[in-house]
Amino acid sequence: MVDFEHWQLPLGRRFRALKLWFVLRRFGANGIRQHVRHSLVLRKEVESRVRDSDMFELEPSAPPSLSLICFRLAGRSNEDQLAFLAAVKNTGRCFIIHTRLGDRIVLRFACGGIEQTKADVLEGWEVVETTAAGWCATKV
């Protein structure tokens, strides 16, 4: 069966090349390298905070990569992960997402935005930590 959804203009080879051309023209190769390096620095900052915390654990099946950290509340069920995720989103100050890896719900924290600063990332992680501290205290 032909799926016409995959025939859209943005999915064509020429259009994808045009998007890449615009990015290279806007930032240049050095700008892209600088952005990736900056994202790695931000990710490593959050990664060290996850490793140093008793409330969180890194997801072993999804090691930190580029600007993405996959983590979980330590020793909690999938339902607890989703409830905690909702609590973080309800603050209105930080947005994280989740995914399912096998039978586990994993929370994802990305720190690779173009205009994102170290202060932004640390503020976002502070929201996650503060929410976790309050949430875990009520869910014991």
Protein backbone atom coordinates (compact mmCIF):
# COMPACT_ATOMS: atom_id res chain seq x y z
CA MET A 1 0.00 0.00 0.00
CA VAL A 2 1.30 3.42 -0.91
CA ASP A 3 1.51 5.79 2.05
CA PHE A 4 1.27 9.31 0.61
CA GLU A 5 2.22 10.75 4.00
CA HIS A 6 5.84 9.93 3.13
CA TRP A 7 5.69 11.86 -0.13
CA GLN A 8 5.56 15.26 1.54
CA LEU A 9 7.91 17.96 0.33
CA PRO A 10 9.84 18.25 3.65
CA LEU A 11 10.76 14.56 3.48
CA GLY A 12 12.39 14.77 0.06
CA ARG A 13 16.15 14.64 -0.37
CA ARG A 14 16.40 18.12 -1.88
CA PHE A 15 14.36 19.71 0.88
CA ARG A 16 16.43 18.02 3.60
CA ALA A 17 19.57 19.28 1.87
CA LEU A 18 18.10 22.78 1.81
CA LYS A 19 17.44 22.64 5.58
CA LEU A 20 21.04 21.56 6.16
CA TRP A 21 22.28 24.32 3.87
CA PHE A 22 20.34 26.94 5.89
CA VAL A 23 21.80 25.66 9.16
CA LEU A 24 25.34 25.69 7.77
CA ARG A 25 24.83 29.13 6.31
CA ARG A 26 23.41 30.51 9.58
CA PHE A 27 25.92 28.99 12.00
CA GLY A 28 28.82 27.74 9.90
CA ALA A 29 30.79 24.59 10.63
CA ASN A 30 32.60 26.24 13.55
CA GLY A 31 29.32 27.46 15.01
CA ILE A 32 27.86 23.97 14.89
CA ARG A 33 30.98 22.55 16.55
CA GLN A 34 30.81 25.22 19.24
CA HIS A 35 27.13 24.48 19.88
CA VAL A 36 27.77 20.74 20.23
CA ARG A 37 30.66 21.37 22.62
CA HIS A 38 28.56 23.75 24.71
CA SER A 39 25.73 21.19 24.85
CA LEU A 40 28.19 18.53 26.05
CA VAL A 41 29.38 20.80 28.86
CA LEU A 42 25.79 21.42 29.97
CA ARG A 43 24.93 17.72 29.79
CA LYS A 44 27.98 16.77 31.85
CA GLU A 45 26.92 19.26 34.53
CA VAL A 46 23.49 17.62 34.84
CA GLU A 47 25.00 14.15 34.59
CA SER A 48 27.28 14.83 37.55
CA ARG A 49 24.30 16.04 39.57
CA VAL A 50 22.34 12.87 38.76
CA ARG A 51 25.32 10.69 39.74
CA ASP A 52 25.78 12.59 43.04
CA SER A 53 22.10 12.33 44.00
CA ASP A 54 20.48 9.58 46.04
CA MET A 55 17.07 10.38 44.52
CA PHE A 56 18.00 9.62 40.90
CA GLU A 57 19.75 6.97 38.85
CA LEU A 58 21.08 7.07 35.31
CA GLU A 59 19.41 4.65 32.95
CA PRO A 60 22.06 2.01 32.13
CA SER A 61 20.47 1.04 28.79
CA ALA A 62 20.61 4.68 27.59
CA PRO A 63 23.93 6.25 28.57
CA PRO A 64 24.19 10.06 28.35
CA SER A 65 24.67 11.15 24.75
CA LEU A 66 25.32 14.57 23.27
CA SER A 67 22.87 16.79 25.17
CA LEU A 68 20.49 14.11 26.48
CA ILE A 69 20.35 12.52 29.95
CA CYS A 70 18.05 9.56 30.60
CA PHE A 71 17.34 9.04 34.29
CA ARG A 72 14.81 7.61 36.73
CA LEU A 73 13.75 8.16 40.29
CA ALA A 74 15.81 5.57 42.15
CA GLY A 75 13.89 2.50 43.26
CA ARG A 76 10.50 3.68 42.01
CA SER A 77 7.89 2.02 39.80
CA ASN A 78 6.87 3.08 36.30
CA GLU A 79 3.68 4.61 37.70
CA ASP A 80 5.78 6.68 40.12
CA GLN A 81 7.98 7.85 37.23
CA LEU A 82 4.94 9.08 35.29
CA ALA A 83 3.40 10.74 38.38
CA PHE A 84 6.69 12.49 39.09
CA LEU A 85 6.94 13.61 35.45
CA ALA A 86 3.45 15.12 35.73
CA ALA A 87 4.47 16.90 38.94
CA VAL A 88 7.51 18.45 37.22
CA LYS A 89 5.41 19.59 34.25
CA ASN A 90 2.76 21.02 36.59
CA THR A 91 5.30 23.44 38.02
CA GLY A 92 5.23 25.25 34.69
CA ARG A 93 8.94 25.99 35.07
CA CYS A 94 10.52 22.94 33.45
CA PHE A 95 9.55 20.57 30.67
CA ILE A 96 10.98 17.07 30.50
CA ILE A 97 9.67 14.09 28.60
CA HIS A 98 9.69 10.34 29.00
CA THR A 99 10.16 7.25 26.90
CA ARG A 100 9.72 3.54 27.37
CA LEU A 101 12.84 1.39 27.14
CA GLY A 102 11.78 -2.22 27.31
CA ASP A 103 9.46 -2.35 30.29
CA ARG A 104 10.88 0.73 32.05
CA ILE A 105 9.69 4.33 31.93
CA VAL A 106 12.70 6.62 31.61
CA LEU A 107 12.72 10.40 32.07
CA ARG A 108 14.65 12.50 29.57
CA PHE A 109 16.35 15.84 30.24
CA ALA A 110 17.74 17.63 27.19
CA CYS A 111 20.12 20.57 27.40
CA GLY A 112 21.00 21.42 23.83
CA GLY A 113 18.86 24.44 22.98
CA ILE A 114 20.44 27.07 20.78
CA GLU A 115 19.98 29.90 23.26
CA GLN A 116 20.16 27.77 26.40
CA THR A 117 22.62 28.90 29.04
CA LYS A 118 24.18 27.12 31.98
CA ALA A 119 21.90 29.12 34.28
CA ASP A 120 18.84 27.87 32.35
CA VAL A 121 19.93 24.25 32.64
CA LEU A 122 20.77 24.53 36.33
CA GLU A 123 17.44 26.22 37.01
CA GLY A 124 15.63 23.41 35.19
CA TRP A 125 17.51 20.77 37.12
CA GLU A 126 16.79 22.60 40.38
CA VAL A 127 13.08 22.35 39.56
CA VAL A 128 13.50 18.60 38.99
CA GLU A 129 15.41 18.16 42.28
CA THR A 130 13.03 20.31 44.33
CA THR A 131 10.01 18.54 42.90
CA ALA A 132 11.60 15.16 43.58
CA ALA A 133 12.39 16.06 47.17
CA GLY A 134 8.83 17.16 47.84
CA TRP A 135 7.24 14.39 45.82
CA CYS A 136 9.33 11.58 47.35
CA ALA A 137 8.64 12.86 50.87
CA THR A 138 4.88 12.53 50.30
CA LYS A 139 5.09 9.16 48.49
CA VAL A 140 7.11 7.20 51.08
